[in-house]
Amino acid sequence: MARRRSVWKGAVAGLAGGLVASWVMNEVQVGWSAATKKLQERGNGSSDKGEQGNGQQENSEDATMKTAEKLSETFLRRPLNSNEKKKAGPIVHYAFGTVVGGVYGATAEKLPEIRKGYGLPFGAAVFVGADEIAVPALGLSPRPLSQTKPQDHLYSLVSHFVYGATTEIVRRGVRACL
């Protein structure tokens, strides 16, 4: 029996998928960075303490922290201190991933063809739209896109494939229950 399409149920399922996927994506990035750092230490025979596996400085502000800072300045009319930025960055990451997942879930109800590929095309679209276009255009990346190392683009693309696939898998499971 065919399931009736429901945008709100799709959105709820997508929100759940986006939230879980944001966490899984983060865990993959932590693992990737740790593995890369360990490989670099073995190859160099020493530790390069200034670099993480994904090419970012350990103490540098990422796009989520910079976004949190801009939101604070806009709505709270004050900058965040470093502790607040460290706490607010993940909130921005999870909020963004959850909302984008919700939009995906709602859209999947009206355009079922976007569900093909188990979320990988969705993840690739988020990678291009957010990491490759929006983040550099808004000045949220640490350096211009053209100066980003190829391995950093790969790191981000793989992370977004994980995000997209996880969003779709969780969306399907939650949607089947609604």
C-alpha atoms as a PDB file:
ATOM      1  CA  MET A   1       0.000   0.000   0.000  1.00  0.00           C
ATOM      2  CA  ALA A   2       1.383   3.401  -0.973  1.00  0.00           C
ATOM      3  CA  ARG A   3       2.089   5.822   1.834  1.00  0.00           C
ATOM      4  CA  ARG A   4       0.368   9.190   1.638  1.00  0.00           C
ATOM      5  CA  ARG A   5       2.714  12.099   1.122  1.00  0.00           C
ATOM      6  CA  SER A   6       2.878  14.534   4.003  1.00  0.00           C
ATOM      7  CA  VAL A   7       5.213  17.518   3.983  1.00  0.00           C
ATOM      8  CA  TRP A   8       5.073  17.957   7.753  1.00  0.00           C
ATOM      9  CA  LYS A   9       5.859  14.268   8.408  1.00  0.00           C
ATOM     10  CA  GLY A  10       8.677  14.495   5.895  1.00  0.00           C
ATOM     11  CA  ALA A  11      10.001  17.607   7.632  1.00  0.00           C
ATOM     12  CA  VAL A  12       9.899  15.904  11.044  1.00  0.00           C
ATOM     13  CA  ALA A  13      11.688  12.848   9.651  1.00  0.00           C
ATOM     14  CA  GLY A  14      14.241  15.092   7.945  1.00  0.00           C
ATOM     15  CA  LEU A  15      14.825  17.112  11.107  1.00  0.00           C
ATOM     16  CA  ALA A  16      15.570  13.892  12.991  1.00  0.00           C
ATOM     17  CA  GLY A  17      17.817  12.723  10.169  1.00  0.00           C
ATOM     18  CA  GLY A  18      19.668  16.026   9.992  1.00  0.00           C
ATOM     19  CA  LEU A  19      20.272  16.078  13.744  1.00  0.00           C
ATOM     20  CA  VAL A  20      21.633  12.532  13.863  1.00  0.00           C
ATOM     21  CA  ALA A  21      23.638  13.114  10.684  1.00  0.00           C
ATOM     22  CA  SER A  22      25.227  16.254  12.145  1.00  0.00           C
ATOM     23  CA  TRP A  23      26.465  14.200  15.085  1.00  0.00           C
ATOM     24  CA  VAL A  24      27.715  11.343  12.877  1.00  0.00           C
ATOM     25  CA  MET A  25      29.445  13.828  10.559  1.00  0.00           C
ATOM     26  CA  ASN A  26      31.181  15.411  13.544  1.00  0.00           C
ATOM     27  CA  GLU A  27      32.363  12.028  14.827  1.00  0.00           C
ATOM     28  CA  VAL A  28      33.737  11.103  11.386  1.00  0.00           C
ATOM     29  CA  GLN A  29      35.614  14.409  11.245  1.00  0.00           C
ATOM     30  CA  VAL A  30      37.123  13.831  14.695  1.00  0.00           C
ATOM     31  CA  GLY A  31      38.223  10.340  13.670  1.00  0.00           C
ATOM     32  CA  TRP A  32      39.579  11.508  10.307  1.00  0.00           C
ATOM     33  CA  SER A  33      41.569  14.300  11.943  1.00  0.00           C
ATOM     34  CA  ALA A  34      43.018  11.985  14.599  1.00  0.00           C
ATOM     35  CA  ALA A  35      43.988   9.363  12.016  1.00  0.00           C
ATOM     36  CA  THR A  36      45.564  11.952   9.728  1.00  0.00           C
ATOM     37  CA  LYS A  37      47.514  13.495  12.595  1.00  0.00           C
ATOM     38  CA  LYS A  38      48.815  10.069  13.629  1.00  0.00           C
ATOM     39  CA  LEU A  39      49.873   9.299  10.044  1.00  0.00           C
ATOM     40  CA  GLN A  40      51.636  12.655   9.771  1.00  0.00           C
ATOM     41  CA  GLU A  41      53.485  12.016  13.039  1.00  0.00           C
ATOM     42  CA  ARG A  42      54.649   8.620  11.770  1.00  0.00           C
ATOM     43  CA  GLY A  43      55.735  10.045   8.419  1.00  0.00           C
ATOM     44  CA  ASN A  44      57.579  13.004   9.922  1.00  0.00           C
ATOM     45  CA  GLY A  45      58.927  11.201  12.933  1.00  0.00           C
ATOM     46  CA  SER A  46      57.611  14.094  15.021  1.00  0.00           C
ATOM     47  CA  SER A  47      54.452  15.917  15.883  1.00  0.00           C
ATOM     48  CA  ASP A  48      53.366  19.004  13.945  1.00  0.00           C
ATOM     49  CA  LYS A  49      51.343  20.519  16.780  1.00  0.00           C
ATOM     50  CA  GLY A  50      49.940  23.436  14.790  1.00  0.00           C
ATOM     51  CA  GLU A  51      48.009  21.404  12.218  1.00  0.00           C
ATOM     52  CA  GLN A  52      45.022  19.123  12.471  1.00  0.00           C
ATOM     53  CA  GLY A  53      44.398  16.383   9.958  1.00  0.00           C
ATOM     54  CA  ASN A  54      41.981  18.494   7.992  1.00  0.00           C
ATOM     55  CA  GLY A  55      44.466  21.308   7.483  1.00  0.00           C
ATOM     56  CA  GLN A  56      42.873  23.689   9.970  1.00  0.00           C
ATOM     57  CA  GLN A  57      44.729  25.232  12.876  1.00  0.00           C
ATOM     58  CA  GLU A  58      43.663  23.685  16.185  1.00  0.00           C
ATOM     59  CA  ASN A  59      43.011  27.051  17.821  1.00  0.00           C
ATOM     60  CA  SER A  60      41.539  28.784  14.783  1.00  0.00           C
ATOM     61  CA  GLU A  61      37.892  29.647  14.562  1.00  0.00           C
ATOM     62  CA  ASP A  62      35.882  27.539  12.160  1.00  0.00           C
ATOM     63  CA  ALA A  63      32.888  28.732  10.149  1.00  0.00           C
ATOM     64  CA  THR A  64      30.403  27.734  12.857  1.00  0.00           C
ATOM     65  CA  MET A  65      32.234  29.786  15.483  1.00  0.00           C
ATOM     66  CA  LYS A  66      32.412  32.764  13.152  1.00  0.00           C
ATOM     67  CA  THR A  67      28.692  32.397  12.416  1.00  0.00           C
ATOM     68  CA  ALA A  68      27.921  32.257  16.144  1.00  0.00           C
ATOM     69  CA  GLU A  69      29.989  35.415  16.616  1.00  0.00           C
ATOM     70  CA  LYS A  70      28.088  37.249  13.860  1.00  0.00           C
ATOM     71  CA  LEU A  71      24.730  36.101  15.279  1.00  0.00           C
ATOM     72  CA  SER A  72      25.723  37.286  18.745  1.00  0.00           C
ATOM     73  CA  GLU A  73      26.804  40.673  17.451  1.00  0.00           C
ATOM     74  CA  THR A  74      23.538  41.007  15.513  1.00  0.00           C
ATOM     75  CA  PHE A  75      21.078  39.796  18.134  1.00  0.00           C
ATOM     76  CA  LEU A  76      22.864  40.223  21.478  1.00  0.00           C
ATOM     77  CA  ARG A  77      24.788  43.292  20.338  1.00  0.00           C
ATOM     78  CA  ARG A  78      28.015  41.951  21.841  1.00  0.00           C
ATOM     79  CA  PRO A  79      30.880  39.718  20.782  1.00  0.00           C
ATOM     80  CA  LEU A  80      31.333  36.248  22.256  1.00  0.00           C
ATOM     81  CA  ASN A  81      34.326  35.390  24.387  1.00  0.00           C
ATOM     82  CA  SER A  82      36.423  32.361  23.414  1.00  0.00           C
ATOM     83  CA  ASN A  83      34.569  29.995  25.784  1.00  0.00           C
ATOM     84  CA  GLU A  84      31.213  31.109  24.412  1.00  0.00           C
ATOM     85  CA  LYS A  85      32.441  30.613  20.839  1.00  0.00           C
ATOM     86  CA  LYS A  86      33.589  27.059  21.636  1.00  0.00           C
ATOM     87  CA  LYS A  87      30.118  26.275  22.992  1.00  0.00           C
ATOM     88  CA  ALA A  88      28.159  28.163  20.328  1.00  0.00           C
ATOM     89  CA  GLY A  89      30.022  26.686  17.331  1.00  0.00           C
ATOM     90  CA  PRO A  90      28.573  23.183  17.791  1.00  0.00           C
ATOM     91  CA  ILE A  91      25.112  24.666  18.387  1.00  0.00           C
ATOM     92  CA  VAL A  92      25.335  26.402  15.011  1.00  0.00           C
ATOM     93  CA  HIS A  93      26.574  23.146  13.398  1.00  0.00           C
ATOM     94  CA  TYR A  94      23.710  21.080  14.814  1.00  0.00           C
ATOM     95  CA  ALA A  95      21.090  23.751  14.136  1.00  0.00           C
ATOM     96  CA  PHE A  96      22.183  24.137  10.518  1.00  0.00           C
ATOM     97  CA  GLY A  97      22.371  20.386   9.926  1.00  0.00           C
ATOM     98  CA  THR A  98      18.980  19.820  11.543  1.00  0.00           C
ATOM     99  CA  VAL A  99      17.225  22.572   9.588  1.00  0.00           C
ATOM    100  CA  VAL A 100      18.777  21.505   6.265  1.00  0.00           C
ATOM    101  CA  GLY A 101      17.713  17.930   7.025  1.00  0.00           C
ATOM    102  CA  GLY A 102      14.167  19.161   7.681  1.00  0.00           C
ATOM    103  CA  VAL A 103      14.050  20.970   4.356  1.00  0.00           C
ATOM    104  CA  TYR A 104      15.375  17.827   2.657  1.00  0.00           C
ATOM    105  CA  GLY A 105      12.753  15.645   4.367  1.00  0.00           C
ATOM    106  CA  ALA A 106       9.896  17.972   3.399  1.00  0.00           C
ATOM    107  CA  THR A 107      11.164  18.196  -0.171  1.00  0.00           C
ATOM    108  CA  ALA A 108      11.525  14.410  -0.397  1.00  0.00           C
ATOM    109  CA  GLU A 109       7.762  14.123   0.108  1.00  0.00           C
ATOM    110  CA  LYS A 110       7.007  16.243  -2.957  1.00  0.00           C
ATOM    111  CA  LEU A 111       9.992  15.230  -5.100  1.00  0.00           C
ATOM    112  CA  PRO A 112      10.697  11.568  -4.247  1.00  0.00           C
ATOM    113  CA  GLU A 113      13.411  11.380  -6.900  1.00  0.00           C
ATOM    114  CA  ILE A 114      15.775  13.348  -4.629  1.00  0.00           C
ATOM    115  CA  ARG A 115      15.866  10.309  -2.313  1.00  0.00           C
ATOM    116  CA  LYS A 116      17.772   8.310  -4.920  1.00  0.00           C
ATOM    117  CA  GLY A 117      21.396   7.615  -4.169  1.00  0.00           C
ATOM    118  CA  TYR A 118      20.775   7.160  -0.426  1.00  0.00           C
ATOM    119  CA  GLY A 119      21.418  10.805   0.338  1.00  0.00           C
ATOM    120  CA  LEU A 120      24.800  11.057  -1.396  1.00  0.00           C
ATOM    121  CA  PRO A 121      23.611  13.620  -3.987  1.00  0.00           C
ATOM    122  CA  PHE A 122      21.992  15.571  -1.132  1.00  0.00           C
ATOM    123  CA  GLY A 123      25.267  15.530   0.820  1.00  0.00           C
ATOM    124  CA  ALA A 124      27.180  16.637  -2.272  1.00  0.00           C
ATOM    125  CA  ALA A 125      24.708  19.498  -2.790  1.00  0.00           C
ATOM    126  CA  VAL A 126      25.150  20.660   0.813  1.00  0.00           C
ATOM    127  CA  PHE A 127      28.937  20.453   0.366  1.00  0.00           C
ATOM    128  CA  VAL A 128      28.861  22.624  -2.757  1.00  0.00           C
ATOM    129  CA  GLY A 129      26.218  25.047  -1.511  1.00  0.00           C
ATOM    130  CA  ALA A 130      27.524  25.524   2.013  1.00  0.00           C
ATOM    131  CA  ASP A 131      31.257  24.744   2.060  1.00  0.00           C
ATOM    132  CA  GLU A 132      32.263  25.672  -1.458  1.00  0.00           C
ATOM    133  CA  ILE A 133      29.984  28.665  -2.092  1.00  0.00           C
ATOM    134  CA  ALA A 134      28.321  30.176   0.996  1.00  0.00           C
ATOM    135  CA  VAL A 135      31.107  29.844   3.586  1.00  0.00           C
ATOM    136  CA  PRO A 136      33.803  31.488   1.402  1.00  0.00           C
ATOM    137  CA  ALA A 137      31.359  34.103   0.054  1.00  0.00           C
ATOM    138  CA  LEU A 138      30.416  35.115   3.588  1.00  0.00           C
ATOM    139  CA  GLY A 139      34.057  35.326   4.651  1.00  0.00           C
ATOM    140  CA  LEU A 140      33.655  32.444   7.108  1.00  0.00           C
ATOM    141  CA  SER A 141      36.478  30.269   5.808  1.00  0.00           C
ATOM    142  CA  PRO A 142      40.027  30.717   7.055  1.00  0.00           C
ATOM    143  CA  ARG A 143      41.411  31.337   3.580  1.00  0.00           C
ATOM    144  CA  PRO A 144      40.115  31.831   0.032  1.00  0.00           C
ATOM    145  CA  LEU A 145      38.689  28.751  -1.679  1.00  0.00           C
ATOM    146  CA  SER A 146      41.445  28.762  -4.311  1.00  0.00           C
ATOM    147  CA  GLN A 147      44.074  28.460  -1.561  1.00  0.00           C
ATOM    148  CA  THR A 148      42.417  25.476   0.116  1.00  0.00           C
ATOM    149  CA  LYS A 149      44.374  22.234  -0.208  1.00  0.00           C
ATOM    150  CA  PRO A 150      42.757  19.465  -2.302  1.00  0.00           C
ATOM    151  CA  GLN A 151      42.825  17.113   0.696  1.00  0.00           C
ATOM    152  CA  ASP A 152      40.771  19.654   2.671  1.00  0.00           C
ATOM    153  CA  HIS A 153      38.123  19.684  -0.072  1.00  0.00           C
ATOM    154  CA  LEU A 154      38.121  15.863  -0.017  1.00  0.00           C
ATOM    155  CA  TYR A 155      37.783  15.848   3.783  1.00  0.00           C
ATOM    156  CA  SER A 156      34.779  18.142   3.542  1.00  0.00           C
ATOM    157  CA  LEU A 157      33.184  16.250   0.638  1.00  0.00           C
ATOM    158  CA  VAL A 158      33.480  12.896   2.424  1.00  0.00           C
ATOM    159  CA  SER A 159      32.083  14.489   5.596  1.00  0.00           C
ATOM    160  CA  HIS A 160      29.072  15.728   3.641  1.00  0.00           C
ATOM    161  CA  PHE A 161      28.574  12.339   1.971  1.00  0.00           C
ATOM    162  CA  VAL A 162      28.367  10.892   5.491  1.00  0.00           C
ATOM    163  CA  TYR A 163      25.929  13.644   6.465  1.00  0.00           C
ATOM    164  CA  GLY A 164      23.724  13.072   3.409  1.00  0.00           C
ATOM    165  CA  ALA A 165      23.641   9.285   3.685  1.00  0.00           C
ATOM    166  CA  THR A 166      22.933   9.384   7.416  1.00  0.00           C
ATOM    167  CA  THR A 167      20.185  11.973   6.947  1.00  0.00           C
ATOM    168  CA  GLU A 168      18.493   9.761   4.345  1.00  0.00           C
ATOM    169  CA  ILE A 169      18.820   6.546   6.350  1.00  0.00           C
ATOM    170  CA  VAL A 170      17.387   8.125   9.507  1.00  0.00           C
ATOM    171  CA  ARG A 171      14.728  10.011   7.500  1.00  0.00           C
ATOM    172  CA  ARG A 172      13.517   6.750   5.970  1.00  0.00           C
ATOM    173  CA  GLY A 173      13.323   5.038   9.341  1.00  0.00           C
ATOM    174  CA  VAL A 174      11.508   7.866  11.089  1.00  0.00           C
ATOM    175  CA  ARG A 175       9.180   8.450   8.140  1.00  0.00           C
ATOM    176  CA  ALA A 176       8.195   4.771   8.146  1.00  0.00           C
ATOM    177  CA  CYS A 177       7.086   5.203  11.775  1.00  0.00           C
ATOM    178  CA  LEU A 178       4.987   8.326  11.132  1.00  0.00           C
END
